[in-house]
N, C-alpha and C. Protein backbone atom coordinates (compact mmCIF):
# COMPACT_ATOMS: atom_id res chain seq x y z
N LYS A 1 -11.98 16.26 -18.87
CA LYS A 1 -11.07 15.67 -17.89
C LYS A 1 -9.73 15.37 -18.54
N SER A 2 -8.69 15.60 -17.80
CA SER A 2 -7.37 15.23 -18.30
C SER A 2 -7.16 13.74 -18.07
N LYS A 3 -6.18 13.20 -18.76
CA LYS A 3 -5.87 11.78 -18.56
C LYS A 3 -5.44 11.52 -17.12
N GLU A 4 -4.72 12.47 -16.54
CA GLU A 4 -4.27 12.32 -15.15
C GLU A 4 -5.45 12.22 -14.20
N GLN A 5 -6.43 13.09 -14.39
CA GLN A 5 -7.62 13.06 -13.53
C GLN A 5 -8.38 11.74 -13.71
N LYS A 6 -8.48 11.30 -14.95
CA LYS A 6 -9.17 10.05 -15.24
C LYS A 6 -8.51 8.88 -14.51
N TRP A 7 -7.19 8.80 -14.58
CA TRP A 7 -6.48 7.70 -13.93
C TRP A 7 -6.54 7.83 -12.42
N TYR A 8 -6.49 9.06 -11.92
CA TYR A 8 -6.60 9.25 -10.48
C TYR A 8 -7.95 8.76 -9.98
N GLN A 9 -9.01 9.12 -10.70
CA GLN A 9 -10.35 8.69 -10.29
C GLN A 9 -10.50 7.18 -10.37
N ARG A 10 -9.97 6.58 -11.40
CA ARG A 10 -10.02 5.12 -11.53
C ARG A 10 -9.27 4.46 -10.39
N GLY A 11 -8.10 4.97 -10.07
CA GLY A 11 -7.32 4.43 -8.96
C GLY A 11 -8.03 4.60 -7.63
N HIS A 12 -8.66 5.76 -7.45
CA HIS A 12 -9.39 6.01 -6.21
C HIS A 12 -10.56 5.02 -6.05
N ARG A 13 -11.30 4.78 -7.13
CA ARG A 13 -12.40 3.81 -7.06
C ARG A 13 -11.88 2.42 -6.75
N SER A 14 -10.78 2.06 -7.35
CA SER A 14 -10.19 0.74 -7.11
C SER A 14 -9.72 0.61 -5.67
N LYS A 15 -9.15 1.69 -5.15
CA LYS A 15 -8.68 1.68 -3.77
C LYS A 15 -9.85 1.53 -2.80
N LEU A 16 -10.95 2.20 -3.09
CA LEU A 16 -12.14 2.06 -2.24
C LEU A 16 -12.68 0.63 -2.28
N ALA A 17 -12.66 0.02 -3.45
CA ALA A 17 -13.11 -1.37 -3.56
C ALA A 17 -12.21 -2.28 -2.73
N LEU A 18 -10.89 -2.08 -2.84
CA LEU A 18 -9.97 -2.90 -2.07
C LEU A 18 -10.16 -2.70 -0.57
N ARG A 19 -10.44 -1.49 -0.17
CA ARG A 19 -10.70 -1.21 1.25
C ARG A 19 -11.94 -1.97 1.72
N GLY A 20 -12.97 -1.99 0.89
CA GLY A 20 -14.18 -2.76 1.22
C GLY A 20 -13.88 -4.24 1.36
N TRP A 21 -13.06 -4.76 0.48
CA TRP A 21 -12.68 -6.17 0.58
C TRP A 21 -11.88 -6.42 1.85
N ALA A 22 -11.00 -5.48 2.18
CA ALA A 22 -10.19 -5.62 3.40
C ALA A 22 -11.08 -5.60 4.64
N ASP A 23 -12.12 -4.79 4.61
CA ASP A 23 -13.05 -4.75 5.74
C ASP A 23 -13.81 -6.06 5.88
N SER A 24 -14.14 -6.70 4.74
CA SER A 24 -14.93 -7.93 4.81
C SER A 24 -14.06 -9.18 4.95
N SER A 25 -12.79 -9.09 4.54
CA SER A 25 -11.89 -10.24 4.66
C SER A 25 -10.49 -9.75 5.00
N GLU A 26 -10.34 -9.36 6.25
CA GLU A 26 -9.06 -8.80 6.72
C GLU A 26 -7.90 -9.73 6.40
N TRP A 27 -8.10 -11.01 6.61
CA TRP A 27 -7.04 -11.99 6.42
C TRP A 27 -6.42 -11.90 5.03
N THR A 28 -7.26 -11.79 4.03
CA THR A 28 -6.79 -11.84 2.65
C THR A 28 -6.35 -10.49 2.09
N PHE A 29 -7.03 -9.42 2.45
CA PHE A 29 -6.83 -8.16 1.74
C PHE A 29 -6.18 -7.04 2.55
N GLU A 30 -6.08 -7.18 3.85
CA GLU A 30 -5.57 -6.09 4.68
C GLU A 30 -4.18 -5.63 4.25
N ASN A 31 -3.25 -6.58 4.08
CA ASN A 31 -1.87 -6.20 3.75
C ASN A 31 -1.80 -5.51 2.39
N LYS A 32 -2.65 -5.93 1.46
CA LYS A 32 -2.66 -5.32 0.13
C LYS A 32 -3.13 -3.86 0.22
N TRP A 33 -4.15 -3.63 1.03
CA TRP A 33 -4.65 -2.27 1.19
C TRP A 33 -3.59 -1.39 1.85
N TYR A 34 -2.93 -1.91 2.89
CA TYR A 34 -1.87 -1.13 3.54
C TYR A 34 -0.76 -0.78 2.55
N LEU A 35 -0.40 -1.73 1.71
CA LEU A 35 0.68 -1.48 0.75
C LEU A 35 0.26 -0.43 -0.27
N LEU A 36 -0.96 -0.50 -0.71
CA LEU A 36 -1.47 0.51 -1.65
C LEU A 36 -1.49 1.89 -1.00
N GLU A 37 -1.90 1.97 0.25
CA GLU A 37 -1.88 3.24 0.98
C GLU A 37 -0.45 3.77 1.11
N ALA A 38 0.49 2.87 1.38
CA ALA A 38 1.90 3.27 1.51
C ALA A 38 2.41 3.86 0.20
N GLU A 39 2.11 3.19 -0.90
CA GLU A 39 2.57 3.66 -2.20
C GLU A 39 1.94 5.00 -2.57
N GLU A 40 0.66 5.14 -2.28
CA GLU A 40 0.00 6.41 -2.57
C GLU A 40 0.59 7.53 -1.71
N SER A 41 0.84 7.25 -0.45
CA SER A 41 1.44 8.26 0.44
C SER A 41 2.82 8.66 -0.05
N PHE A 42 3.59 7.68 -0.50
CA PHE A 42 4.92 7.95 -1.05
C PHE A 42 4.80 8.87 -2.27
N CYS A 43 3.89 8.56 -3.17
CA CYS A 43 3.70 9.39 -4.37
C CYS A 43 3.25 10.81 -4.03
N ASN A 44 2.54 10.96 -2.93
CA ASN A 44 2.05 12.27 -2.50
C ASN A 44 3.01 12.97 -1.54
N ASN A 45 4.23 12.44 -1.41
CA ASN A 45 5.27 13.02 -0.55
C ASN A 45 4.86 13.09 0.92
N ASP A 46 3.99 12.20 1.35
CA ASP A 46 3.60 12.09 2.76
C ASP A 46 4.41 10.95 3.36
N PHE A 47 5.67 11.23 3.63
CA PHE A 47 6.63 10.18 3.96
C PHE A 47 6.37 9.52 5.31
N GLU A 48 5.93 10.27 6.29
CA GLU A 48 5.66 9.66 7.60
C GLU A 48 4.50 8.67 7.53
N THR A 49 3.47 9.04 6.79
CA THR A 49 2.34 8.13 6.61
C THR A 49 2.77 6.90 5.82
N ALA A 50 3.58 7.11 4.81
CA ALA A 50 4.08 5.99 4.01
C ALA A 50 4.86 5.01 4.87
N LYS A 51 5.74 5.53 5.73
CA LYS A 51 6.51 4.66 6.62
C LYS A 51 5.59 3.80 7.47
N SER A 52 4.56 4.41 8.00
CA SER A 52 3.62 3.69 8.85
C SER A 52 2.91 2.58 8.07
N TYR A 53 2.46 2.90 6.87
CA TYR A 53 1.74 1.91 6.08
C TYR A 53 2.64 0.80 5.56
N TYR A 54 3.88 1.10 5.21
CA TYR A 54 4.80 0.03 4.80
C TYR A 54 4.99 -0.96 5.97
N LYS A 55 5.17 -0.42 7.15
CA LYS A 55 5.34 -1.28 8.32
C LYS A 55 4.09 -2.14 8.55
N LYS A 56 2.92 -1.53 8.45
CA LYS A 56 1.67 -2.27 8.62
C LYS A 56 1.51 -3.35 7.55
N ALA A 57 1.90 -3.04 6.31
CA ALA A 57 1.79 -4.01 5.22
C ALA A 57 2.67 -5.23 5.49
N VAL A 58 3.89 -4.99 5.91
CA VAL A 58 4.81 -6.08 6.22
C VAL A 58 4.27 -6.91 7.38
N THR A 59 3.85 -6.24 8.43
CA THR A 59 3.35 -6.94 9.62
C THR A 59 2.11 -7.77 9.30
N SER A 60 1.18 -7.20 8.57
CA SER A 60 -0.05 -7.91 8.22
C SER A 60 0.24 -9.12 7.34
N ALA A 61 1.08 -8.95 6.32
CA ALA A 61 1.41 -10.07 5.43
C ALA A 61 2.09 -11.18 6.22
N LYS A 62 2.98 -10.81 7.11
CA LYS A 62 3.69 -11.81 7.93
C LYS A 62 2.71 -12.53 8.86
N GLN A 63 1.86 -11.77 9.50
CA GLN A 63 0.89 -12.33 10.45
C GLN A 63 -0.07 -13.31 9.75
N HIS A 64 -0.43 -13.01 8.51
CA HIS A 64 -1.38 -13.84 7.79
C HIS A 64 -0.71 -14.88 6.89
N LYS A 65 0.61 -14.98 7.01
CA LYS A 65 1.39 -16.01 6.32
C LYS A 65 1.43 -15.87 4.79
N PHE A 66 1.35 -14.63 4.31
CA PHE A 66 1.51 -14.36 2.88
C PHE A 66 2.97 -13.99 2.64
N ILE A 67 3.81 -14.99 2.55
CA ILE A 67 5.25 -14.78 2.48
C ILE A 67 5.64 -13.96 1.25
N HIS A 68 5.04 -14.27 0.10
CA HIS A 68 5.39 -13.55 -1.13
C HIS A 68 4.94 -12.09 -1.04
N GLU A 69 3.84 -11.81 -0.37
CA GLU A 69 3.39 -10.43 -0.24
C GLU A 69 4.18 -9.68 0.84
N GLU A 70 4.66 -10.42 1.82
CA GLU A 70 5.58 -9.83 2.80
C GLU A 70 6.86 -9.39 2.08
N ALA A 71 7.36 -10.25 1.19
CA ALA A 71 8.57 -9.92 0.44
C ALA A 71 8.34 -8.70 -0.46
N LEU A 72 7.18 -8.63 -1.10
CA LEU A 72 6.87 -7.48 -1.94
C LEU A 72 6.81 -6.19 -1.11
N ALA A 73 6.19 -6.26 0.06
CA ALA A 73 6.12 -5.08 0.93
C ALA A 73 7.53 -4.64 1.35
N TYR A 74 8.38 -5.60 1.70
CA TYR A 74 9.76 -5.25 2.05
C TYR A 74 10.48 -4.62 0.86
N GLU A 75 10.28 -5.17 -0.34
CA GLU A 75 10.95 -4.66 -1.52
C GLU A 75 10.53 -3.21 -1.81
N LEU A 76 9.22 -2.97 -1.79
CA LEU A 76 8.75 -1.61 -2.08
C LEU A 76 9.16 -0.64 -0.98
N ALA A 77 9.17 -1.10 0.26
CA ALA A 77 9.64 -0.25 1.36
C ALA A 77 11.12 0.07 1.17
N ALA A 78 11.89 -0.89 0.70
CA ALA A 78 13.32 -0.66 0.47
C ALA A 78 13.54 0.42 -0.59
N TYR A 79 12.77 0.37 -1.68
CA TYR A 79 12.87 1.42 -2.70
C TYR A 79 12.50 2.78 -2.11
N PHE A 80 11.49 2.79 -1.28
CA PHE A 80 11.06 4.01 -0.61
C PHE A 80 12.20 4.58 0.24
N TYR A 81 12.80 3.74 1.08
CA TYR A 81 13.87 4.22 1.96
C TYR A 81 15.11 4.62 1.18
N LEU A 82 15.38 3.93 0.08
CA LEU A 82 16.51 4.33 -0.78
C LEU A 82 16.27 5.72 -1.36
N GLU A 83 15.05 5.94 -1.81
CA GLU A 83 14.69 7.26 -2.36
C GLU A 83 14.87 8.37 -1.32
N LEU A 84 14.57 8.04 -0.07
CA LEU A 84 14.73 9.03 0.99
C LEU A 84 16.18 9.16 1.47
N GLY A 85 17.02 8.20 1.07
CA GLY A 85 18.41 8.20 1.50
C GLY A 85 18.59 7.67 2.90
N GLU A 86 17.65 6.84 3.33
CA GLU A 86 17.73 6.28 4.69
C GLU A 86 18.11 4.81 4.65
């Protein structure tokens, strides 16, 4: 296995764990999972999906009163939109 494959697999397992936590405790983990999906979509050049997940991450964090995580979602979305030139 290459180092890239190793890290991809580790990240994938971690993402699945976070998804499980989000399913069992939407309040606490949903926005984090959305943000991770947005970042992965951005890295994979799936920009429309990334836009959707950034919006969901911001909305979920705001709805659940995680102000610092709402700010993080806005910040990462801003970098995303800057990269796209939007």
